[in-house]
Structure formats: structure tokens, C-alpha cells
N, C-alpha and C. Protein backbone atom coordinates (compact mmCIF):
# COMPACT_ATOMS: atom_id res chain seq x y z
N MET A 1 10.70 -18.78 -0.42
CA MET A 1 9.68 -19.82 -0.38
C MET A 1 8.30 -18.81 -0.54
N LEU A 2 8.35 -17.92 0.28
CA LEU A 2 7.15 -17.21 0.03
C LEU A 2 7.14 -16.13 -0.96
N LEU A 3 8.25 -16.14 -1.51
CA LEU A 3 8.76 -14.84 -2.36
C LEU A 3 8.21 -15.59 -3.65
N ALA A 4 8.35 -17.00 -3.99
CA ALA A 4 7.54 -17.89 -5.21
C ALA A 4 6.01 -18.07 -4.93
N ALA A 5 5.52 -17.75 -3.68
CA ALA A 5 3.92 -17.76 -3.38
C ALA A 5 3.79 -16.39 -3.97
N ALA A 6 4.46 -15.58 -3.62
CA ALA A 6 4.11 -14.10 -3.72
C ALA A 6 4.01 -13.87 -5.57
N GLN A 7 4.66 -14.36 -6.01
CA GLN A 7 4.82 -14.57 -7.47
C GLN A 7 3.68 -15.28 -7.96
N GLU A 8 3.29 -16.26 -7.68
CA GLU A 8 2.10 -17.05 -8.41
C GLU A 8 0.61 -16.06 -7.74
N PHE A 9 0.92 -15.48 -6.41
CA PHE A 9 -0.97 -15.20 -6.58
C PHE A 9 -1.08 -13.62 -6.77
N ASP A 10 0.61 -12.98 -7.29
CA ASP A 10 0.31 -11.75 -7.82
C ASP A 10 0.04 -12.08 -9.86
N GLU A 11 0.38 -13.16 -10.20
CA GLU A 11 0.26 -13.19 -11.68
C GLU A 11 -1.13 -13.96 -11.64
N HIS A 12 -1.70 -14.91 -10.81
CA HIS A 12 -2.66 -15.43 -11.02
C HIS A 12 -3.98 -15.57 -9.97
N GLY A 13 -3.82 -14.83 -8.85
CA GLY A 13 -4.46 -14.36 -7.58
C GLY A 13 -4.71 -16.05 -6.83
N TYR A 14 -5.34 -15.76 -5.80
CA TYR A 14 -5.50 -16.88 -4.87
C TYR A 14 -5.94 -17.95 -5.61
N THR A 15 -7.25 -18.02 -6.22
CA THR A 15 -8.08 -19.11 -6.52
C THR A 15 -7.37 -19.67 -7.55
N GLY A 16 -6.44 -18.95 -8.20
CA GLY A 16 -5.76 -19.24 -9.67
C GLY A 16 -4.41 -20.23 -9.43
N SER A 17 -4.12 -20.67 -8.30
CA SER A 17 -2.78 -20.68 -7.78
C SER A 17 -3.08 -21.84 -6.81
N SER A 18 -2.38 -22.72 -6.86
CA SER A 18 -2.22 -23.92 -6.33
C SER A 18 -0.96 -23.94 -5.28
N VAL A 19 -0.91 -25.03 -4.39
CA VAL A 19 0.55 -25.11 -3.57
C VAL A 19 1.46 -26.02 -4.73
N GLN A 20 0.99 -26.89 -5.92
CA GLN A 20 1.58 -27.64 -7.02
C GLN A 20 2.28 -26.14 -7.68
N ASP A 21 1.72 -25.35 -7.71
CA ASP A 21 2.24 -24.61 -8.87
C ASP A 21 3.30 -23.90 -8.48
N ILE A 22 3.42 -23.29 -7.14
CA ILE A 22 4.14 -22.93 -6.32
C ILE A 22 5.43 -23.68 -5.80
N ALA A 23 5.13 -24.86 -5.71
CA ALA A 23 6.48 -25.73 -5.42
C ALA A 23 7.14 -26.18 -6.64
N ASP A 24 6.27 -26.06 -7.98
CA ASP A 24 7.10 -26.20 -9.28
C ASP A 24 7.68 -24.95 -9.38
N ARG A 25 7.39 -23.64 -9.09
CA ARG A 25 7.99 -22.53 -9.37
C ARG A 25 9.65 -22.70 -8.15
N LEU A 26 9.55 -23.31 -7.39
CA LEU A 26 10.37 -23.37 -6.68
C LEU A 26 11.56 -24.65 -6.81
N GLY A 27 11.21 -25.58 -7.66
CA GLY A 27 11.76 -26.50 -7.76
C GLY A 27 11.88 -27.54 -6.87
N LYS A 28 10.44 -27.55 -5.75
CA LYS A 28 10.47 -28.32 -4.78
C LYS A 28 9.41 -29.02 -4.69
N THR A 29 9.26 -30.37 -4.11
CA THR A 29 8.07 -31.10 -3.85
C THR A 29 7.21 -30.45 -3.02
N LYS A 30 5.86 -30.57 -3.13
CA LYS A 30 4.47 -30.31 -2.09
C LYS A 30 4.97 -30.20 -0.51
N GLY A 31 5.41 -31.76 -0.25
CA GLY A 31 5.86 -31.92 0.95
C GLY A 31 6.84 -31.39 1.47
N ALA A 32 7.88 -30.89 0.61
CA ALA A 32 8.98 -29.88 1.34
C ALA A 32 8.06 -28.34 1.54
N LEU A 33 7.41 -28.16 0.32
CA LEU A 33 6.56 -27.03 0.95
C LEU A 33 5.50 -27.12 2.09
N GLY A 34 5.35 -28.00 2.45
CA GLY A 34 4.37 -28.37 3.55
C GLY A 34 5.20 -28.80 5.00
N TYR A 35 6.14 -28.54 4.96
CA TYR A 35 6.85 -28.87 5.71
C TYR A 35 7.02 -27.03 6.53
N HIS A 36 7.35 -26.09 5.83
CA HIS A 36 7.15 -24.76 6.31
C HIS A 36 5.61 -24.29 6.61
N PHE A 37 4.94 -24.42 5.40
CA PHE A 37 3.59 -24.10 5.54
C PHE A 37 2.83 -24.90 5.22
N PRO A 38 1.68 -25.39 6.16
CA PRO A 38 0.78 -26.42 5.69
C PRO A 38 -0.30 -26.20 4.86
N SER A 39 -0.58 -25.12 4.29
CA SER A 39 -1.48 -25.12 3.39
C SER A 39 -1.31 -23.81 2.31
N LYS A 40 -2.22 -23.63 1.51
CA LYS A 40 -2.00 -22.23 0.72
C LYS A 40 -2.51 -20.82 1.70
N SER A 41 -3.35 -20.90 2.23
CA SER A 41 -3.76 -20.26 2.84
C SER A 41 -3.05 -19.65 4.10
N SER A 42 -2.10 -20.61 4.61
CA SER A 42 -0.94 -20.16 5.68
C SER A 42 -0.28 -19.44 4.86
N MET A 43 0.57 -19.79 3.70
CA MET A 43 1.52 -18.88 2.94
C MET A 43 0.68 -17.31 2.42
N ALA A 44 -0.70 -17.57 2.35
CA ALA A 44 -1.25 -16.05 1.99
C ALA A 44 -1.48 -15.24 3.03
N LEU A 45 -1.78 -15.62 4.41
CA LEU A 45 -1.60 -14.80 5.33
C LEU A 45 -0.20 -14.65 5.79
N ALA A 46 0.82 -15.51 5.56
CA ALA A 46 1.97 -14.85 6.14
C ALA A 46 2.57 -13.57 4.98
N ILE A 47 2.21 -13.92 3.69
CA ILE A 47 2.37 -12.65 2.76
C ILE A 47 1.84 -11.13 3.39
N VAL A 48 0.38 -11.62 3.59
CA VAL A 48 -0.22 -10.20 4.04
C VAL A 48 0.30 -9.84 5.57
N GLU A 49 0.61 -10.51 6.42
CA GLU A 49 0.96 -10.22 7.58
C GLU A 49 2.45 -9.50 7.62
N ARG A 50 3.32 -10.04 6.59
CA ARG A 50 4.59 -9.42 6.18
C ARG A 50 4.06 -7.95 5.51
N PHE A 51 3.56 -7.69 4.88
CA PHE A 51 2.91 -6.42 4.38
C PHE A 51 2.71 -5.66 5.58
N TYR A 52 1.77 -5.80 6.50
CA TYR A 52 1.10 -5.05 7.50
C TYR A 52 2.59 -4.76 8.72
N GLY A 53 3.33 -5.79 8.66
CA GLY A 53 4.44 -5.56 9.69
C GLY A 53 5.32 -4.76 8.93
N GLN A 54 5.58 -4.45 8.22
CA GLN A 54 6.44 -3.25 7.34
C GLN A 54 5.58 -1.85 7.56
N LEU A 55 4.25 -2.01 8.13
CA LEU A 55 3.95 -0.34 7.99
C LEU A 55 4.46 0.19 8.61
N PRO A 56 4.51 0.09 10.42
CA PRO A 56 5.31 0.91 11.37
C PRO A 56 6.44 1.44 11.13
N GLY A 57 7.50 0.84 10.32
CA GLY A 57 8.60 1.08 9.79
C GLY A 57 8.78 2.21 8.76
N MET A 58 7.61 1.67 8.01
CA MET A 58 7.43 2.89 7.06
C MET A 58 6.95 4.04 7.02
N VAL A 59 5.98 4.14 8.10
CA VAL A 59 5.70 5.35 8.37
C VAL A 59 6.35 6.24 9.20
N GLU A 60 7.55 5.53 10.45
CA GLU A 60 8.34 6.11 11.06
C GLU A 60 9.39 7.11 9.75
N LEU A 61 9.79 6.51 8.64
CA LEU A 61 10.72 7.56 7.98
C LEU A 61 10.01 8.66 7.77
N TYR A 62 8.98 8.85 7.75
CA TYR A 62 8.22 10.07 7.46
C TYR A 62 7.27 10.96 8.48
N ARG A 63 7.44 10.47 10.02
CA ARG A 63 7.40 11.01 10.90
C ARG A 63 8.27 11.73 11.73
N ALA A 64 8.59 13.01 11.42
CA ALA A 64 9.52 13.55 11.96
C ALA A 64 8.99 14.42 13.20
N GLY A 65 9.94 13.92 14.25
CA GLY A 65 9.74 14.65 15.69
C GLY A 65 8.57 14.36 15.91
N GLY A 66 7.91 13.14 15.69
CA GLY A 66 6.76 12.44 16.02
C GLY A 66 5.45 12.96 15.85
N SER A 67 5.23 13.46 14.61
CA SER A 67 4.50 13.89 14.09
C SER A 67 4.45 13.87 12.61
N MET A 68 3.41 13.83 11.84
CA MET A 68 3.41 14.06 10.23
C MET A 68 2.72 15.42 9.91
N ASP A 69 2.85 15.54 8.82
CA ASP A 69 2.67 16.64 8.07
C ASP A 69 1.97 16.54 6.90
N VAL A 70 1.59 17.29 5.71
CA VAL A 70 0.79 16.85 4.68
C VAL A 70 1.80 16.57 3.60
N SER A 71 2.92 16.91 3.71
CA SER A 71 3.74 16.53 2.58
C SER A 71 4.35 15.21 2.78
N SER A 72 4.10 14.83 4.57
CA SER A 72 4.87 13.29 4.71
C SER A 72 3.57 12.47 4.43
N VAL A 73 2.48 12.84 4.44
CA VAL A 73 1.13 11.89 4.31
C VAL A 73 1.19 11.40 2.59
N VAL A 74 1.51 12.50 1.55
CA VAL A 74 1.90 12.36 0.82
C VAL A 74 3.37 11.25 0.18
N ALA A 75 4.03 11.83 0.76
CA ALA A 75 5.28 10.99 0.44
C ALA A 75 5.41 9.66 0.78
N LEU A 76 4.67 9.34 2.23
CA LEU A 76 4.67 7.71 2.31
C LEU A 76 3.50 7.11 1.43
N SER A 77 2.70 7.61 0.52
CA SER A 77 1.73 7.34 -0.43
C SER A 77 2.47 7.16 -1.57
N LEU A 78 3.51 8.17 -2.16
CA LEU A 78 4.17 7.51 -3.15
C LEU A 78 5.28 6.60 -2.87
N ASP A 79 5.61 6.32 -1.77
CA ASP A 79 6.47 5.43 -1.02
C ASP A 79 6.26 3.89 -1.52
N VAL A 80 4.98 4.03 -0.86
CA VAL A 80 3.99 2.64 -0.99
C VAL A 80 3.74 2.57 -2.47
N ALA A 81 3.77 3.38 -3.27
CA ALA A 81 3.47 3.08 -4.70
C ALA A 81 4.51 2.53 -5.55
N ARG A 82 5.56 3.28 -4.90
CA ARG A 82 7.11 2.45 -5.83
C ARG A 82 6.99 0.98 -5.27
N GLN A 83 6.85 0.59 -4.02
CA GLN A 83 7.10 -0.48 -3.63
C GLN A 83 6.09 -1.34 -4.16
N PHE A 84 4.77 -1.00 -4.49
CA PHE A 84 3.60 -1.78 -5.22
C PHE A 84 4.40 -1.91 -6.76
N ARG A 85 4.80 -0.87 -7.31
CA ARG A 85 5.49 -0.92 -8.84
C ARG A 85 6.57 -1.90 -8.64
N ASP A 86 6.97 -2.11 -7.82
CA ASP A 86 8.87 -2.64 -7.93
C ASP A 86 8.74 -4.02 -7.10
N ASP A 87 7.71 -4.08 -6.14
CA ASP A 87 8.23 -5.30 -4.88
C ASP A 87 6.91 -6.13 -4.90
N VAL A 88 7.05 -7.96 -5.45
CA VAL A 88 6.35 -8.90 -5.86
C VAL A 88 5.90 -9.06 -4.42
N MET A 89 5.97 -8.83 -3.21
CA MET A 89 5.69 -9.09 -1.81
C MET A 89 4.36 -8.07 -1.58
N VAL A 90 4.58 -6.69 -2.01
CA VAL A 90 3.75 -6.18 -1.72
C VAL A 90 2.30 -5.96 -2.71
N ARG A 91 2.52 -6.24 -3.87
CA ARG A 91 1.58 -6.73 -4.90
C ARG A 91 0.46 -7.72 -4.34
N ALA A 92 1.54 -8.71 -4.10
CA ALA A 92 0.69 -10.03 -3.79
C ALA A 92 -0.16 -9.83 -2.47
N ALA A 93 0.38 -9.22 -1.75
CA ALA A 93 -0.25 -8.76 -0.61
C ALA A 93 -1.69 -8.12 -0.38
N VAL A 94 -1.41 -6.91 -1.43
CA VAL A 94 -2.78 -6.25 -1.61
C VAL A 94 -3.92 -7.09 -2.50
N ARG A 95 -3.52 -8.16 -3.85
CA ARG A 95 -3.96 -8.67 -4.06
C ARG A 95 -4.68 -10.01 -3.40
N LEU A 96 -4.41 -10.30 -2.56
CA LEU A 96 -4.77 -11.38 -1.74
C LEU A 96 -5.64 -10.47 -0.73
N GLN A 97 -5.67 -9.37 -0.25
CA GLN A 97 -6.98 -8.88 0.52
C GLN A 97 -7.89 -8.75 -0.53
N ARG A 98 -7.63 -8.27 -1.95
CA ARG A 98 -8.92 -8.27 -2.69
C ARG A 98 -9.79 -9.86 -2.68
N ASP A 99 -8.90 -10.75 -2.66
CA ASP A 99 -9.51 -12.11 -3.09
C ASP A 99 -9.82 -12.80 -1.81
N ALA A 100 -9.99 -11.88 -0.35
CA ALA A 100 -9.75 -12.09 0.95
C ALA A 100 -10.97 -13.15 1.19
N GLU A 101 -12.26 -13.00 0.03
CA GLU A 101 -13.76 -13.98 0.65
C GLU A 101 -13.15 -15.49 0.34
N THR A 102 -12.12 -15.21 -0.71
CA THR A 102 -11.81 -16.86 -1.23
C THR A 102 -10.66 -17.48 -0.27
N ILE A 103 -10.20 -17.18 0.67
CA ILE A 103 -9.13 -17.58 1.42
C ILE A 103 -9.83 -18.30 2.76
N GLU A 104 -9.26 -19.13 3.60
CA GLU A 104 -10.14 -20.21 4.29
C GLU A 104 -9.34 -19.50 5.60
N VAL A 105 -8.51 -18.77 5.75
CA VAL A 105 -8.06 -18.07 6.80
C VAL A 105 -8.49 -16.52 6.86
N PRO A 106 -8.72 -15.81 7.94
CA PRO A 106 -9.56 -14.54 8.42
C PRO A 106 -7.93 -13.87 7.93
N LEU A 107 -8.00 -12.73 7.16
CA LEU A 107 -6.54 -11.72 7.11
C LEU A 107 -7.34 -10.49 7.46
N PRO A 108 -6.54 -9.74 7.88
CA PRO A 108 -6.41 -8.65 8.57
C PRO A 108 -7.46 -7.80 7.58
N THR A 109 -8.44 -6.86 8.15
CA THR A 109 -9.58 -5.89 7.31
C THR A 109 -8.62 -5.06 6.44
N PRO A 110 -8.90 -5.19 5.09
CA PRO A 110 -8.12 -4.10 4.24
C PRO A 110 -8.67 -2.88 4.66
N TYR A 111 -7.87 -1.75 4.48
CA TYR A 111 -7.86 -0.07 4.27
C TYR A 111 -7.93 0.37 5.41
N VAL A 112 -8.54 -0.25 6.58
CA VAL A 112 -8.84 0.53 7.88
C VAL A 112 -7.69 1.11 8.59
N ASN A 113 -6.58 -0.01 8.48
CA ASN A 113 -5.38 0.68 8.83
C ASN A 113 -4.67 1.86 8.43
N TRP A 114 -4.99 1.94 7.19
CA TRP A 114 -4.68 2.99 6.26
C TRP A 114 -5.37 4.10 6.43
N ILE A 115 -6.64 4.23 6.51
CA ILE A 115 -7.69 5.48 6.94
C ILE A 115 -7.14 5.95 7.79
N ALA A 116 -7.00 5.21 8.72
CA ALA A 116 -6.52 5.26 10.74
C ALA A 116 -5.00 6.07 10.39
N LEU A 117 -4.38 5.76 9.59
CA LEU A 117 -2.91 6.66 9.97
C LEU A 117 -3.03 7.71 8.69
N ILE A 118 -3.80 7.75 7.57
CA ILE A 118 -3.56 9.09 6.81
C ILE A 118 -4.55 10.09 7.81
N GLU A 119 -5.59 9.60 8.28
CA GLU A 119 -6.67 10.47 9.01
C GLU A 119 -5.39 10.97 10.02
N SER A 120 -4.70 10.33 10.76
CA SER A 120 -3.94 10.61 11.93
C SER A 120 -2.67 11.67 11.34
N GLY A 121 -2.24 11.63 10.01
CA GLY A 121 -1.32 12.44 9.78
C GLY A 121 -1.79 13.84 9.44
N LEU A 122 -3.18 13.81 8.98
CA LEU A 122 -3.74 15.06 8.69
C LEU A 122 -4.16 15.79 9.97
N ARG A 123 -4.55 15.04 10.67
CA ARG A 123 -5.15 15.72 11.73
C ARG A 123 -3.34 16.07 12.54
N ASP A 124 -2.67 15.56 12.54
CA ASP A 124 -1.41 16.50 12.74
C ASP A 124 -1.07 17.83 11.82
N ALA A 125 -1.38 17.71 11.01
CA ALA A 125 -1.40 18.70 9.74
C ALA A 125 -1.87 19.61 9.93
N GLU A 126 -3.42 19.32 10.32
CA GLU A 126 -4.32 20.41 11.10
C GLU A 126 -3.98 21.08 12.15
N LEU A 127 -3.49 20.56 13.31
CA LEU A 127 -2.84 21.16 14.42
C LEU A 127 -1.67 22.08 13.78
N LYS A 128 -0.96 21.61 12.93
CA LYS A 128 0.09 22.51 12.52
C LYS A 128 -0.36 23.79 11.71
N GLY A 129 -1.44 23.91 11.43
CA GLY A 129 -2.32 25.02 10.51
C GLY A 129 -1.90 24.76 9.10
N GLN A 130 -2.06 23.28 8.58
CA GLN A 130 -1.44 23.21 7.12
C GLN A 130 -3.04 22.89 6.34
N LEU A 131 -4.03 22.69 6.96
CA LEU A 131 -5.41 22.68 6.14
C LEU A 131 -6.19 23.75 6.16
N MET A 132 -6.47 23.59 4.77
CA MET A 132 -7.82 24.73 4.98
C MET A 132 -8.82 24.79 5.88
N PRO A 133 -9.64 26.06 6.10
CA PRO A 133 -10.47 26.14 7.37
C PRO A 133 -11.77 25.04 6.96
N ASP A 134 -12.32 24.06 7.44
CA ASP A 134 -13.51 23.43 7.15
C ASP A 134 -13.36 22.12 6.55
N VAL A 135 -12.05 21.65 6.24
CA VAL A 135 -11.77 20.62 5.79
C VAL A 135 -12.11 19.60 6.60
N ASP A 136 -12.72 18.32 5.98
CA ASP A 136 -13.53 17.18 6.86
C ASP A 136 -12.39 16.05 6.70
N VAL A 137 -11.26 16.10 8.20
CA VAL A 137 -10.12 15.30 7.81
C VAL A 137 -10.31 13.72 7.96
N ALA A 138 -11.56 13.28 8.43
CA ALA A 138 -12.04 12.11 8.37
C ALA A 138 -12.60 11.67 6.69
N ALA A 139 -13.42 12.25 5.89
CA ALA A 139 -13.57 12.34 4.72
C ALA A 139 -12.07 12.04 3.86
N THR A 140 -11.43 13.32 4.18
CA THR A 140 -10.36 13.20 3.13
C THR A 140 -9.39 12.15 3.28
N ALA A 141 -9.28 11.51 4.30
CA ALA A 141 -8.41 10.61 4.66
C ALA A 141 -9.29 8.93 3.96
N ARG A 142 -10.50 9.17 3.57
CA ARG A 142 -11.09 8.05 3.19
C ARG A 142 -11.29 8.13 1.89
N VAL A 143 -11.28 9.03 1.36
CA VAL A 143 -11.17 9.64 -0.33
C VAL A 143 -9.78 9.21 -0.52
N ALA A 144 -8.93 9.68 0.28
CA ALA A 144 -7.38 9.24 -0.58
C ALA A 144 -7.53 8.02 -0.33
N VAL A 145 -7.26 7.28 0.96
CA VAL A 145 -7.36 5.85 0.54
C VAL A 145 -7.74 5.27 -0.53
N ALA A 146 -8.98 5.53 -0.76
CA ALA A 146 -9.85 4.86 -2.12
C ALA A 146 -9.33 4.99 -3.30
N GLY A 147 -9.23 6.46 -3.18
CA GLY A 147 -8.16 6.70 -4.29
C GLY A 147 -6.93 6.26 -4.65
N PHE A 148 -6.15 5.96 -3.70
CA PHE A 148 -4.88 5.09 -3.60
C PHE A 148 -4.98 4.05 -4.62
N PHE A 149 -5.88 3.12 -3.70
CA PHE A 149 -6.02 1.78 -3.84
C PHE A 149 -7.13 1.46 -5.22
N GLY A 150 -7.75 2.19 -5.42
CA GLY A 150 -8.00 2.55 -6.35
C GLY A 150 -7.23 2.72 -8.19
N VAL A 151 -6.06 3.53 -7.80
CA VAL A 151 -5.53 3.89 -8.57
C VAL A 151 -4.47 2.78 -9.03
N GLN A 152 -4.11 2.33 -8.16
CA GLN A 152 -3.32 1.06 -8.40
C GLN A 152 -4.06 -0.14 -8.82
N GLN A 153 -5.07 -0.41 -8.50
CA GLN A 153 -6.04 -1.48 -9.14
C GLN A 153 -5.97 -1.16 -10.69
N VAL A 154 -6.36 -0.17 -10.79
CA VAL A 154 -7.10 0.74 -12.50
C VAL A 154 -5.50 0.58 -13.16
N ALA A 155 -4.27 0.62 -12.81
CA ALA A 155 -2.96 0.61 -13.37
C ALA A 155 -2.35 -0.67 -13.60
N ALA A 156 -2.81 -1.68 -12.69
CA ALA A 156 -2.38 -2.70 -12.69
C ALA A 156 -3.01 -3.23 -14.00
N THR A 157 -4.17 -3.47 -13.78
CA THR A 157 -5.22 -3.93 -14.96
C THR A 157 -5.26 -3.29 -16.03
N LEU A 158 -4.81 -2.27 -16.16
CA LEU A 158 -4.69 -1.71 -17.63
C LEU A 158 -3.41 -1.84 -18.07
N GLY A 159 -2.48 -2.47 -17.34
CA GLY A 159 -1.00 -2.68 -17.64
C GLY A 159 -0.13 -1.34 -17.71
N HIS A 160 -0.37 -0.51 -16.59
CA HIS A 160 0.03 0.35 -16.24
C HIS A 160 0.93 0.44 -14.76
N ARG A 161 1.73 -0.46 -14.50
CA ARG A 161 2.08 -0.44 -13.52
C ARG A 161 3.53 0.77 -13.14
N ALA A 162 4.02 0.54 -14.61
CA ALA A 162 5.13 1.53 -14.49
C ALA A 162 4.85 2.85 -14.24
N GLU A 163 3.74 3.51 -14.44
CA GLU A 163 3.49 4.76 -14.30
C GLU A 163 2.42 5.24 -13.03
N LEU A 164 2.77 4.19 -11.89
CA LEU A 164 1.72 4.00 -11.16
C LEU A 164 2.35 5.10 -9.95
N VAL A 165 3.52 5.55 -9.94
CA VAL A 165 3.81 6.92 -9.06
C VAL A 165 3.09 7.89 -9.46
N ASN A 166 3.31 8.07 -10.92
CA ASN A 166 2.93 9.20 -11.44
C ASN A 166 1.22 9.66 -11.61
N TRP A 167 0.62 8.38 -11.50
CA TRP A 167 -0.80 8.19 -11.30
C TRP A 167 -1.15 8.68 -10.17
N VAL A 168 -0.46 8.71 -9.03
CA VAL A 168 -0.32 8.60 -7.70
C VAL A 168 -0.46 10.16 -7.28
N LEU A 169 0.58 10.57 -7.87
CA LEU A 169 0.84 12.16 -7.94
C LEU A 169 -0.33 13.07 -8.27
N ASP A 170 -0.90 12.15 -9.56
CA ASP A 170 -1.95 12.90 -9.91
C ASP A 170 -3.07 12.87 -9.50
N LEU A 171 -3.42 12.02 -8.57
CA LEU A 171 -4.46 11.90 -7.51
C LEU A 171 -4.41 12.74 -6.57
N TRP A 172 -2.83 13.18 -5.91
CA TRP A 172 -2.72 14.43 -5.21
C TRP A 172 -2.89 15.66 -5.60
N ARG A 173 -2.59 15.71 -7.21
CA ARG A 173 -2.82 17.36 -7.62
C ARG A 173 -4.29 17.23 -7.70
N VAL A 174 -5.28 16.13 -7.33
CA VAL A 174 -7.00 16.74 -7.47
C VAL A 174 -7.18 16.89 -6.24
N ILE A 175 -6.61 16.01 -4.98
CA ILE A 175 -6.68 15.89 -3.68
C ILE A 175 -6.50 17.83 -3.28
N LEU A 176 -4.83 17.82 -3.01
CA LEU A 176 -4.38 18.78 -2.59
C LEU A 176 -5.18 20.16 -2.38
N PRO A 177 -5.71 20.67 -3.70
CA PRO A 177 -5.82 22.19 -3.41
C PRO A 177 -7.06 22.36 -3.05
N ALA A 178 -7.98 21.25 -2.37
CA ALA A 178 -9.14 21.33 -1.50
C ALA A 178 -8.50 21.30 -0.38
N ILE A 179 -7.31 20.95 0.24
CA ILE A 179 -7.34 20.49 1.68
C ILE A 179 -6.56 21.75 1.82
N VAL A 180 -5.44 22.28 1.10
CA VAL A 180 -4.29 22.90 1.03
C VAL A 180 -4.21 24.27 0.31
N GLY A 181 -4.93 24.27 -0.27
CA GLY A 181 -5.24 25.37 -1.23
C GLY A 181 -3.88 25.56 -2.26
N ASP A 182 -3.36 27.17 -2.01
CA ASP A 182 -2.33 27.39 -2.62
C ASP A 182 -1.11 26.99 -2.77
N ALA A 183 -0.90 25.88 -1.43
CA ALA A 183 -0.04 25.34 -1.03
C ALA A 183 0.32 23.98 -1.75
N ALA A 184 -0.59 23.86 -2.53
CA ALA A 184 -0.86 22.23 -3.47
C ALA A 184 0.49 22.12 -3.96
N LYS A 185 0.69 22.94 -4.69
CA LYS A 185 2.13 23.09 -5.59
C LYS A 185 3.39 22.46 -4.85
N ASP A 186 3.55 23.38 -3.70
CA ASP A 186 4.63 23.25 -2.85
C ASP A 186 4.90 21.91 -2.07
N THR A 187 3.44 21.95 -1.38
CA THR A 187 3.48 20.20 -0.82
C THR A 187 4.07 19.19 -1.71
N LEU A 188 3.50 19.47 -2.75
CA LEU A 188 3.82 18.05 -3.69
C LEU A 188 5.16 17.83 -4.07
N SER A 189 5.93 19.24 -4.35
CA SER A 189 7.33 19.09 -4.67
C SER A 189 8.17 18.41 -3.42
N ASP A 190 7.52 19.00 -2.05
CA ASP A 190 8.40 18.70 -1.25
C ASP A 190 8.03 16.99 -0.81
N ALA A 191 6.98 16.57 -1.21
CA ALA A 191 6.62 15.06 -0.90
C ALA A 191 7.42 14.30 -1.53
N GLU A 192 7.69 14.75 -3.20
CA GLU A 192 8.73 13.72 -3.99
C GLU A 192 10.18 14.17 -3.40
N ALA A 193 10.37 15.10 -3.08
CA ALA A 193 11.70 14.91 -2.74
C ALA A 193 12.23 14.60 -1.50
N ARG A 194 11.04 14.23 -0.53
CA ARG A 194 11.34 13.44 0.78
C ARG A 194 11.25 11.84 0.23
N VAL A 195 10.49 11.48 -0.90
CA VAL A 195 10.81 9.98 -1.07
C VAL A 195 12.12 9.89 -1.87
N LEU A 196 12.63 10.87 -2.64
CA LEU A 196 13.97 10.59 -3.48
C LEU A 196 14.77 10.67 -2.43
N ALA A 197 14.88 11.42 -1.46
CA ALA A 197 16.01 11.15 -0.41
C ALA A 197 16.60 10.26 0.19
N PRO A 198 17.79 9.97 0.27
CA PRO A 198 18.23 8.76 1.13
C PRO A 198 17.59 8.75 2.51
N HIS A 199 17.16 7.61 2.99
CA HIS A 199 16.49 7.10 4.39
C HIS A 199 17.39 6.69 5.24
């Protein structure tokens, strides 16, 4: 049921979708849908909450020994990009957050959790001596998150969703030399290997 809703929201946005559209996609009546979800906004909230509910588990895949490093921060972003490319539930959650002003229920504030997570990972890396001197960790986290979500939106809008992981790699090719210097290439290679490794 949520998958059908996610497909509608991903393709048409929140305002462009209706409960009837979702019911039609499922081959059900609106009444049958209403038994599980009383409104379109309740479906939207469930999809966004599911996305945020997956975040802790995703982070743990890249938190070796209780902390992160630069390559694990990059690897996490590549993994999320891959999920955005391949998983309609993830795409719908991100699109719904962009549509939040038109949704009748409050959604989690977008981006703040991601900024905090990336900043925490970069602070771990700083403690391990991986960052260049005078790197502004908070600013780097904000720029990385803004860049990541900007890249995914541009890729989707221009019909390049299949290339999203490569576009995120390009983003890190720009950011990493400023924060890890000559270790940028090795950091990126390590991050790619982590994403490809079986979890």
C-alpha cells in the first residue's frame, strides 16, 4: 500500500497525487485504503518516517568501532545515493520533504539530521587526524549535505537518475581535496570499496 503511494508521490508529487490515484494503482477502493490510512497526508508521513527510521541502521554499517572516518562519511552518502536511484520509497520520502509546505501534517524537518550526522562523522575523522588543519567541520557538513541533496534533485530533474552515484562521486572529488588534501583519491577509493563490499 505504501509502495503504491510512494510511486504516486515520486511521479506526481504530493499535490499531484490523490487517494483515488493510489487506490487505482492498487486496484482497491478508497474505502479499503482508508481503513489503513485515513488520509493522503497520513500516507506521506508514514513514508517519510520510514525513511528516517532506516537511518540509524544505515549509519551503523559505516560506523566501525563506534566512530566514523572520512571514507565512511563518503561511503554512507554513496549508499544513500544508490538507494535514491533504486528505491522509490526513498525517492518519495525526499520529494515529500520538498513538498512539506503543502502537506497537512508536520513532517520531520529536512536536512538537520543529515547535517548533524555528517558533522559528527567529520568530527570523528578530525580526532583521528584525517582532516587538514583549520577545516571548518560544521561548514563542511552543511556544504556536503546541501551539495548531496542538490545533486540528487538536479539529476532527477534532468533525467540523469541512473548517473546519481557518479554525480555524488564528483561532488566529493571537489570537496575532499579541501578537507583531506593529498589523501582525497585514496579516501574516495576506500569509500567506493566500502559501498561495494557485502554488508
